N, C-alpha and C. Protein backbone atom coordinates (compact mmCIF):
# COMPACT_ATOMS: atom_id res chain seq x y z
N UNK A 1 19.55 4.40 -9.43
CA UNK A 1 18.30 4.97 -9.88
C UNK A 1 18.57 6.41 -10.29
N UNK A 2 18.13 6.76 -11.48
CA UNK A 2 18.37 8.11 -11.95
C UNK A 2 17.05 8.78 -12.32
N UNK A 3 17.15 9.97 -12.85
CA UNK A 3 15.96 10.76 -13.18
C UNK A 3 15.07 10.03 -14.20
N UNK A 4 15.67 9.31 -15.14
CA UNK A 4 14.88 8.57 -16.13
C UNK A 4 14.06 7.48 -15.46
N UNK A 5 14.66 6.75 -14.52
CA UNK A 5 13.90 5.74 -13.77
C UNK A 5 12.72 6.37 -13.04
N UNK A 6 12.95 7.51 -12.42
CA UNK A 6 11.88 8.19 -11.69
C UNK A 6 10.78 8.63 -12.65
N UNK A 7 11.15 9.13 -13.84
CA UNK A 7 10.14 9.51 -14.83
C UNK A 7 9.31 8.30 -15.25
N UNK A 8 9.97 7.17 -15.45
CA UNK A 8 9.26 5.94 -15.83
C UNK A 8 8.29 5.54 -14.72
N UNK A 9 8.75 5.56 -13.48
CA UNK A 9 7.87 5.21 -12.35
C UNK A 9 6.67 6.15 -12.26
N UNK A 10 6.89 7.43 -12.47
CA UNK A 10 5.78 8.39 -12.43
C UNK A 10 4.75 8.08 -13.51
N UNK A 11 5.24 7.78 -14.72
CA UNK A 11 4.32 7.44 -15.81
C UNK A 11 3.54 6.17 -15.49
N UNK A 12 4.22 5.16 -14.95
CA UNK A 12 3.54 3.91 -14.59
C UNK A 12 2.52 4.13 -13.48
N UNK A 13 2.83 5.00 -12.52
CA UNK A 13 1.89 5.28 -11.43
C UNK A 13 0.61 5.92 -11.97
N UNK A 14 0.75 6.77 -12.98
CA UNK A 14 -0.43 7.43 -13.55
C UNK A 14 -1.25 6.48 -14.42
N UNK A 15 -0.56 5.59 -15.15
CA UNK A 15 -1.26 4.66 -16.03
C UNK A 15 -0.31 3.50 -16.36
N UNK A 16 -0.44 2.42 -15.61
CA UNK A 16 0.48 1.29 -15.82
C UNK A 16 0.13 0.48 -17.07
N UNK A 17 -0.96 0.84 -17.75
CA UNK A 17 -1.35 0.13 -18.97
C UNK A 17 -0.86 0.82 -20.23
N UNK A 18 -0.25 1.98 -20.10
CA UNK A 18 0.18 2.69 -21.30
C UNK A 18 1.29 1.92 -22.01
N UNK A 19 1.39 2.13 -23.30
CA UNK A 19 2.37 1.38 -24.10
C UNK A 19 3.79 1.89 -23.84
N UNK A 20 4.75 1.00 -24.12
CA UNK A 20 6.15 1.39 -24.01
C UNK A 20 6.46 2.52 -24.99
N UNK A 21 5.82 2.48 -26.16
CA UNK A 21 6.03 3.52 -27.16
C UNK A 21 5.58 4.88 -26.67
N UNK A 22 4.42 4.92 -26.02
CA UNK A 22 3.92 6.19 -25.49
C UNK A 22 4.85 6.71 -24.39
N UNK A 23 5.33 5.79 -23.54
CA UNK A 23 6.25 6.20 -22.48
C UNK A 23 7.56 6.71 -23.08
N UNK A 24 8.08 5.99 -24.07
CA UNK A 24 9.34 6.38 -24.71
C UNK A 24 9.21 7.77 -25.34
N UNK A 25 8.10 8.00 -26.01
CA UNK A 25 7.86 9.31 -26.63
C UNK A 25 7.79 10.41 -25.58
N UNK A 26 7.13 10.13 -24.48
CA UNK A 26 6.97 11.12 -23.41
C UNK A 26 8.31 11.51 -22.79
N UNK A 27 9.20 10.52 -22.62
CA UNK A 27 10.48 10.77 -21.97
C UNK A 27 11.57 11.15 -22.97
N UNK A 28 11.43 10.66 -24.21
CA UNK A 28 12.43 10.96 -25.23
C UNK A 28 13.55 9.94 -25.31
N UNK A 29 13.21 8.67 -25.02
CA UNK A 29 14.18 7.58 -25.16
C UNK A 29 13.50 6.43 -25.90
N UNK A 30 14.26 5.40 -26.23
CA UNK A 30 13.71 4.29 -27.02
C UNK A 30 12.84 3.35 -26.18
N UNK A 31 11.96 2.62 -26.90
CA UNK A 31 11.13 1.61 -26.23
C UNK A 31 12.00 0.54 -25.58
N UNK A 32 13.08 0.16 -26.24
CA UNK A 32 13.98 -0.86 -25.69
C UNK A 32 14.59 -0.40 -24.37
N UNK A 33 14.95 0.87 -24.29
CA UNK A 33 15.51 1.40 -23.05
C UNK A 33 14.46 1.39 -21.95
N UNK A 34 13.25 1.80 -22.29
CA UNK A 34 12.15 1.76 -21.30
C UNK A 34 11.97 0.33 -20.80
N UNK A 35 11.91 -0.62 -21.73
CA UNK A 35 11.70 -2.02 -21.37
C UNK A 35 12.81 -2.54 -20.46
N UNK A 36 14.07 -2.26 -20.81
CA UNK A 36 15.21 -2.71 -19.99
C UNK A 36 15.15 -2.12 -18.59
N UNK A 37 14.83 -0.85 -18.52
CA UNK A 37 14.79 -0.18 -17.21
C UNK A 37 13.65 -0.73 -16.35
N UNK A 38 12.50 -0.96 -16.95
CA UNK A 38 11.38 -1.54 -16.20
C UNK A 38 11.74 -2.93 -15.70
N UNK A 39 12.33 -3.74 -16.56
CA UNK A 39 12.75 -5.09 -16.16
C UNK A 39 13.74 -5.02 -15.00
N UNK A 40 14.69 -4.12 -15.07
CA UNK A 40 15.69 -3.97 -14.01
C UNK A 40 15.01 -3.55 -12.70
N UNK A 41 14.06 -2.62 -12.78
CA UNK A 41 13.37 -2.19 -11.55
C UNK A 41 12.50 -3.30 -10.99
N UNK A 42 11.94 -4.15 -11.86
CA UNK A 42 11.19 -5.32 -11.37
C UNK A 42 12.13 -6.30 -10.68
N UNK A 43 13.27 -6.58 -11.30
CA UNK A 43 14.24 -7.52 -10.72
C UNK A 43 14.77 -7.03 -9.38
N UNK A 44 14.92 -5.71 -9.23
CA UNK A 44 15.40 -5.12 -7.98
C UNK A 44 14.27 -4.81 -7.01
N UNK A 45 13.07 -5.26 -7.33
CA UNK A 45 11.87 -5.14 -6.49
C UNK A 45 11.49 -3.69 -6.18
N UNK A 46 11.91 -2.77 -7.03
CA UNK A 46 11.42 -1.40 -6.92
C UNK A 46 9.99 -1.38 -7.44
N UNK A 47 9.76 -2.07 -8.54
CA UNK A 47 8.40 -2.31 -9.02
C UNK A 47 8.02 -3.69 -8.51
N UNK A 48 7.03 -3.73 -7.63
CA UNK A 48 6.66 -5.01 -7.01
C UNK A 48 5.38 -5.59 -7.60
N UNK A 49 4.77 -4.91 -8.54
CA UNK A 49 3.57 -5.44 -9.17
C UNK A 49 2.77 -4.34 -9.83
N UNK A 50 1.71 -4.75 -10.49
CA UNK A 50 0.81 -3.83 -11.18
C UNK A 50 -0.59 -4.15 -10.69
N UNK A 51 -1.39 -3.13 -10.47
CA UNK A 51 -2.68 -3.37 -9.84
C UNK A 51 -3.75 -2.42 -10.38
N UNK A 52 -4.96 -2.64 -9.94
CA UNK A 52 -6.10 -1.79 -10.28
C UNK A 52 -6.51 -1.04 -9.03
N UNK A 53 -6.77 0.24 -9.17
CA UNK A 53 -7.28 1.02 -8.05
C UNK A 53 -8.80 1.07 -8.16
N UNK A 54 -9.48 0.74 -7.08
CA UNK A 54 -10.94 0.74 -7.08
C UNK A 54 -11.47 1.86 -6.20
N UNK A 55 -12.67 2.31 -6.52
CA UNK A 55 -13.35 3.32 -5.71
C UNK A 55 -14.34 2.57 -4.82
N UNK A 56 -13.92 2.26 -3.60
CA UNK A 56 -14.74 1.42 -2.72
C UNK A 56 -16.07 2.07 -2.36
N UNK A 57 -16.13 3.40 -2.35
CA UNK A 57 -17.39 4.05 -2.02
C UNK A 57 -18.46 3.75 -3.07
N UNK A 58 -18.06 3.48 -4.29
CA UNK A 58 -19.00 3.12 -5.36
C UNK A 58 -19.40 1.64 -5.28
N UNK A 59 -18.69 0.87 -4.44
CA UNK A 59 -18.95 -0.56 -4.34
C UNK A 59 -19.77 -0.93 -3.11
N UNK A 60 -20.15 0.06 -2.33
CA UNK A 60 -20.93 -0.22 -1.13
C UNK A 60 -20.12 -0.86 -0.02
N UNK A 61 -18.84 -0.54 0.04
CA UNK A 61 -17.94 -1.11 1.03
C UNK A 61 -17.42 0.00 1.92
N UNK A 62 -17.23 -0.31 3.19
CA UNK A 62 -16.72 0.65 4.15
C UNK A 62 -15.27 0.32 4.46
N UNK A 63 -14.45 1.35 4.58
CA UNK A 63 -13.02 1.16 4.87
C UNK A 63 -12.73 1.78 6.23
N UNK A 64 -11.92 1.09 7.02
CA UNK A 64 -11.56 1.59 8.35
C UNK A 64 -10.09 1.34 8.62
N UNK A 65 -9.55 2.18 9.48
CA UNK A 65 -8.18 2.01 9.96
C UNK A 65 -8.25 1.54 11.40
N UNK A 66 -7.55 0.45 11.70
CA UNK A 66 -7.50 -0.09 13.06
C UNK A 66 -6.08 0.09 13.58
N UNK A 67 -5.97 0.82 14.68
CA UNK A 67 -4.68 1.03 15.33
C UNK A 67 -4.58 0.04 16.48
N UNK A 68 -3.62 -0.87 16.41
CA UNK A 68 -3.48 -1.92 17.41
C UNK A 68 -2.32 -1.62 18.34
N UNK A 69 -2.56 -1.79 19.64
CA UNK A 69 -1.49 -1.75 20.63
C UNK A 69 -1.20 -3.18 21.04
N UNK A 70 0.05 -3.57 20.88
CA UNK A 70 0.47 -4.95 21.16
C UNK A 70 1.46 -4.92 22.32
N UNK A 71 1.21 -5.78 23.31
CA UNK A 71 2.16 -5.94 24.42
C UNK A 71 2.33 -7.42 24.72
N UNK A 72 3.55 -7.79 25.06
CA UNK A 72 3.82 -9.16 25.47
C UNK A 72 3.66 -10.20 24.39
N UNK A 73 3.74 -9.78 23.13
CA UNK A 73 3.60 -10.73 22.03
C UNK A 73 4.49 -10.29 20.88
N UNK A 74 4.88 -11.23 20.07
CA UNK A 74 5.68 -10.94 18.88
C UNK A 74 4.82 -10.28 17.81
N UNK A 75 5.31 -9.18 17.26
CA UNK A 75 4.57 -8.53 16.17
C UNK A 75 4.43 -9.48 14.98
N UNK A 76 5.44 -10.29 14.75
CA UNK A 76 5.38 -11.25 13.64
C UNK A 76 4.22 -12.22 13.84
N UNK A 77 4.04 -12.71 15.06
CA UNK A 77 2.93 -13.63 15.33
C UNK A 77 1.59 -12.91 15.18
N UNK A 78 1.49 -11.69 15.67
CA UNK A 78 0.25 -10.93 15.54
C UNK A 78 -0.08 -10.71 14.07
N UNK A 79 0.93 -10.33 13.29
CA UNK A 79 0.72 -10.11 11.86
C UNK A 79 0.26 -11.40 11.19
N UNK A 80 0.88 -12.52 11.53
CA UNK A 80 0.45 -13.82 10.98
C UNK A 80 -0.99 -14.12 11.34
N UNK A 81 -1.38 -13.83 12.59
CA UNK A 81 -2.77 -14.04 13.00
C UNK A 81 -3.72 -13.13 12.23
N UNK A 82 -3.31 -11.89 12.00
CA UNK A 82 -4.17 -10.93 11.29
C UNK A 82 -4.34 -11.30 9.82
N UNK A 83 -3.36 -12.00 9.25
CA UNK A 83 -3.45 -12.42 7.84
C UNK A 83 -4.66 -13.33 7.59
N UNK A 84 -5.15 -13.96 8.63
CA UNK A 84 -6.26 -14.91 8.49
C UNK A 84 -7.59 -14.22 8.19
N UNK A 85 -7.67 -12.93 8.43
CA UNK A 85 -8.93 -12.22 8.25
C UNK A 85 -9.01 -11.65 6.84
N UNK A 86 -10.02 -12.09 6.10
CA UNK A 86 -10.17 -11.66 4.71
C UNK A 86 -10.44 -10.16 4.59
N UNK A 87 -10.87 -9.53 5.65
CA UNK A 87 -11.20 -8.10 5.63
C UNK A 87 -9.96 -7.21 5.66
N UNK A 88 -8.81 -7.76 6.05
CA UNK A 88 -7.59 -6.97 6.23
C UNK A 88 -6.85 -6.89 4.90
N UNK A 89 -6.68 -5.65 4.40
CA UNK A 89 -5.95 -5.46 3.15
C UNK A 89 -4.47 -5.22 3.39
N UNK A 90 -4.14 -4.32 4.31
CA UNK A 90 -2.74 -3.98 4.61
C UNK A 90 -2.52 -3.96 6.11
N UNK A 91 -1.29 -4.25 6.48
CA UNK A 91 -0.85 -4.06 7.86
C UNK A 91 0.46 -3.28 7.80
N UNK A 92 0.52 -2.22 8.58
CA UNK A 92 1.72 -1.39 8.64
C UNK A 92 2.30 -1.48 10.04
N UNK A 93 3.61 -1.71 10.15
CA UNK A 93 4.28 -1.61 11.45
C UNK A 93 4.50 -0.13 11.73
N UNK A 94 4.27 0.27 12.98
CA UNK A 94 4.37 1.69 13.32
C UNK A 94 5.43 1.93 14.38
N UNK A 95 5.97 3.12 14.36
CA UNK A 95 6.85 3.61 15.41
C UNK A 95 6.15 4.83 15.99
N UNK A 96 5.64 4.70 17.20
CA UNK A 96 4.88 5.80 17.80
C UNK A 96 3.94 5.26 18.86
N UNK A 97 2.74 5.82 18.92
CA UNK A 97 1.78 5.47 19.95
C UNK A 97 1.17 4.07 19.78
N UNK A 98 1.20 3.54 18.57
CA UNK A 98 0.58 2.25 18.28
C UNK A 98 1.61 1.31 17.67
N UNK A 99 1.31 0.02 17.73
CA UNK A 99 2.23 -0.99 17.19
C UNK A 99 1.97 -1.28 15.72
N UNK A 100 0.69 -1.40 15.37
CA UNK A 100 0.30 -1.77 14.01
C UNK A 100 -0.88 -0.92 13.55
N UNK A 101 -0.93 -0.71 12.24
CA UNK A 101 -2.08 -0.07 11.61
C UNK A 101 -2.61 -1.04 10.57
N UNK A 102 -3.89 -1.38 10.67
CA UNK A 102 -4.51 -2.30 9.72
C UNK A 102 -5.56 -1.55 8.92
N UNK A 103 -5.54 -1.75 7.61
CA UNK A 103 -6.59 -1.22 6.76
C UNK A 103 -7.55 -2.36 6.48
N UNK A 104 -8.82 -2.15 6.81
CA UNK A 104 -9.81 -3.21 6.65
C UNK A 104 -11.00 -2.72 5.83
N UNK A 105 -11.66 -3.67 5.19
CA UNK A 105 -12.88 -3.41 4.43
C UNK A 105 -13.99 -4.27 5.00
N UNK A 106 -15.12 -3.65 5.28
CA UNK A 106 -16.30 -4.35 5.80
C UNK A 106 -17.53 -3.75 5.14
N UNK A 107 -18.66 -4.47 5.25
CA UNK A 107 -19.90 -3.98 4.66
C UNK A 107 -20.61 -2.98 5.56
N UNK A 108 -20.56 -3.22 6.87
CA UNK A 108 -21.32 -2.38 7.80
C UNK A 108 -20.53 -2.13 9.08
N UNK A 109 -21.01 -1.17 9.86
CA UNK A 109 -20.41 -0.91 11.17
C UNK A 109 -20.55 -2.14 12.05
N UNK A 110 -21.67 -2.83 11.95
CA UNK A 110 -21.85 -4.06 12.74
C UNK A 110 -20.80 -5.11 12.38
N UNK A 111 -20.49 -5.23 11.10
CA UNK A 111 -19.44 -6.18 10.68
C UNK A 111 -18.08 -5.77 11.25
N UNK A 112 -17.82 -4.47 11.28
CA UNK A 112 -16.57 -3.97 11.85
C UNK A 112 -16.50 -4.29 13.33
N UNK A 113 -17.58 -4.03 14.03
CA UNK A 113 -17.64 -4.31 15.46
C UNK A 113 -17.40 -5.80 15.72
N UNK A 114 -18.05 -6.65 14.94
CA UNK A 114 -17.90 -8.10 15.10
C UNK A 114 -16.46 -8.54 14.82
N UNK A 115 -15.85 -7.99 13.79
CA UNK A 115 -14.45 -8.33 13.48
C UNK A 115 -13.55 -7.99 14.66
N UNK A 116 -13.74 -6.81 15.23
CA UNK A 116 -12.89 -6.39 16.34
C UNK A 116 -13.18 -7.19 17.60
N UNK A 117 -14.43 -7.24 18.01
CA UNK A 117 -14.80 -7.88 19.28
C UNK A 117 -14.65 -9.39 19.27
N UNK A 118 -15.10 -10.01 18.19
CA UNK A 118 -15.13 -11.48 18.16
C UNK A 118 -13.84 -12.12 17.67
N UNK A 119 -12.98 -11.33 17.06
CA UNK A 119 -11.78 -11.93 16.47
C UNK A 119 -10.49 -11.23 16.90
N UNK A 120 -10.36 -9.95 16.55
CA UNK A 120 -9.08 -9.27 16.78
C UNK A 120 -8.74 -9.17 18.26
N UNK A 121 -9.68 -8.75 19.08
CA UNK A 121 -9.39 -8.59 20.51
C UNK A 121 -9.17 -9.92 21.22
N UNK A 122 -9.47 -11.03 20.56
CA UNK A 122 -9.22 -12.35 21.15
C UNK A 122 -7.82 -12.87 20.85
N UNK A 123 -7.07 -12.14 20.05
CA UNK A 123 -5.69 -12.54 19.76
C UNK A 123 -4.82 -12.16 20.96
N UNK A 124 -4.14 -13.14 21.56
CA UNK A 124 -3.28 -12.83 22.72
C UNK A 124 -2.21 -11.81 22.35
N UNK A 125 -2.09 -10.78 23.17
CA UNK A 125 -1.09 -9.74 22.95
C UNK A 125 -1.68 -8.44 22.44
N UNK A 126 -2.88 -8.49 21.88
CA UNK A 126 -3.51 -7.25 21.44
C UNK A 126 -4.21 -6.64 22.64
N UNK A 127 -3.67 -5.52 23.09
CA UNK A 127 -4.15 -4.87 24.29
C UNK A 127 -5.33 -3.94 24.01
N UNK A 128 -5.27 -3.26 22.85
CA UNK A 128 -6.26 -2.23 22.58
C UNK A 128 -6.39 -2.04 21.07
N UNK A 129 -7.59 -1.67 20.61
CA UNK A 129 -7.82 -1.35 19.21
C UNK A 129 -8.53 0.00 19.15
N UNK A 130 -7.96 0.93 18.39
CA UNK A 130 -8.63 2.20 18.13
C UNK A 130 -9.05 2.20 16.66
N UNK A 131 -10.20 2.80 16.37
CA UNK A 131 -10.79 2.72 15.04
C UNK A 131 -11.03 4.11 14.47
N UNK A 132 -10.68 4.29 13.22
CA UNK A 132 -11.09 5.46 12.44
C UNK A 132 -11.76 4.94 11.18
N UNK A 133 -12.98 5.39 10.92
CA UNK A 133 -13.70 5.01 9.71
C UNK A 133 -13.42 6.07 8.65
N UNK A 134 -12.98 5.63 7.50
CA UNK A 134 -12.66 6.56 6.41
C UNK A 134 -13.93 6.92 5.66
N UNK A 135 -14.13 8.21 5.43
CA UNK A 135 -15.34 8.63 4.73
C UNK A 135 -15.07 9.08 3.31
N UNK A 136 -13.83 9.47 3.01
CA UNK A 136 -13.52 9.91 1.66
C UNK A 136 -12.02 9.86 1.44
N UNK A 137 -11.64 9.54 0.24
CA UNK A 137 -10.22 9.56 -0.14
C UNK A 137 -10.03 10.75 -1.08
N UNK A 138 -9.11 11.61 -0.73
CA UNK A 138 -8.85 12.80 -1.52
C UNK A 138 -7.45 12.67 -2.10
N UNK A 139 -7.38 12.45 -3.39
CA UNK A 139 -6.08 12.31 -4.04
C UNK A 139 -5.37 13.65 -4.03
N UNK A 140 -4.11 13.63 -3.66
CA UNK A 140 -3.34 14.86 -3.57
C UNK A 140 -2.22 14.89 -4.61
N UNK A 141 -1.15 14.19 -4.35
CA UNK A 141 0.01 14.23 -5.22
C UNK A 141 0.46 12.81 -5.52
N UNK A 142 0.16 12.31 -6.71
CA UNK A 142 0.54 10.93 -7.02
C UNK A 142 2.05 10.72 -7.07
N UNK A 143 2.81 11.81 -7.14
CA UNK A 143 4.27 11.70 -7.20
C UNK A 143 4.94 11.94 -5.86
N UNK A 144 4.17 12.00 -4.77
CA UNK A 144 4.73 12.33 -3.45
C UNK A 144 5.84 11.37 -3.05
N UNK A 145 5.68 10.09 -3.35
CA UNK A 145 6.70 9.12 -2.92
C UNK A 145 8.04 9.34 -3.62
N UNK A 146 8.04 10.09 -4.70
CA UNK A 146 9.28 10.34 -5.43
C UNK A 146 9.95 11.65 -5.02
N UNK A 147 9.30 12.43 -4.17
CA UNK A 147 9.78 13.78 -3.87
C UNK A 147 11.09 13.81 -3.09
N UNK A 148 11.42 12.74 -2.39
CA UNK A 148 12.65 12.77 -1.59
C UNK A 148 13.73 11.83 -2.11
N UNK A 149 13.50 11.23 -3.26
CA UNK A 149 14.49 10.30 -3.82
C UNK A 149 15.66 11.09 -4.38
N UNK A 150 16.84 10.69 -4.01
CA UNK A 150 18.03 11.28 -4.61
C UNK A 150 18.44 10.40 -5.77
N UNK A 151 18.62 11.01 -6.90
CA UNK A 151 18.92 10.24 -8.10
C UNK A 151 20.36 9.76 -8.13
N UNK A 152 21.15 10.14 -7.15
CA UNK A 152 22.54 9.68 -7.13
C UNK A 152 22.67 8.29 -6.50
N UNK A 153 21.62 7.82 -5.81
CA UNK A 153 21.72 6.50 -5.18
C UNK A 153 21.62 5.41 -6.24
N UNK A 154 22.45 4.44 -6.14
CA UNK A 154 22.50 3.37 -7.13
C UNK A 154 21.74 2.15 -6.63
N UNK A 155 20.89 1.60 -7.50
CA UNK A 155 20.18 0.37 -7.16
C UNK A 155 20.67 -0.79 -8.01
N UNK A 156 21.58 -0.53 -8.92
CA UNK A 156 22.00 -1.57 -9.85
C UNK A 156 23.39 -2.04 -9.57
């Protein structure tokens, strides 16, 4: 992975719908080179997909973070059990005070309470759930994930 790959990733992060021509012009290389590099990054799973970002506050949906403490159970089994809940968007394995972090979407606080009490806490091995309700997302630096990449590392 080199500086050109990082530039391509930054452009895609800002607007994954932009044309190869616009990207090529921005970086100063050919459309064919852009296309080859994107294909290579897809094949190497650096680019794992393309998506739409939504503003959930405009959709009447509430987002919460659930910190799960797991004891006496396989994290893999807990994660498989959590996959069954349509409200769970992401699960992160953690190293620290908690075992897992789940990002969930619900309509109301009552729905959140019901999800936790009636479902999550009934999964064997989940000892405790701590909740933080997100009130606002403040975009900071869309290129933060690229700030520590060394361009000397080879992915090809």
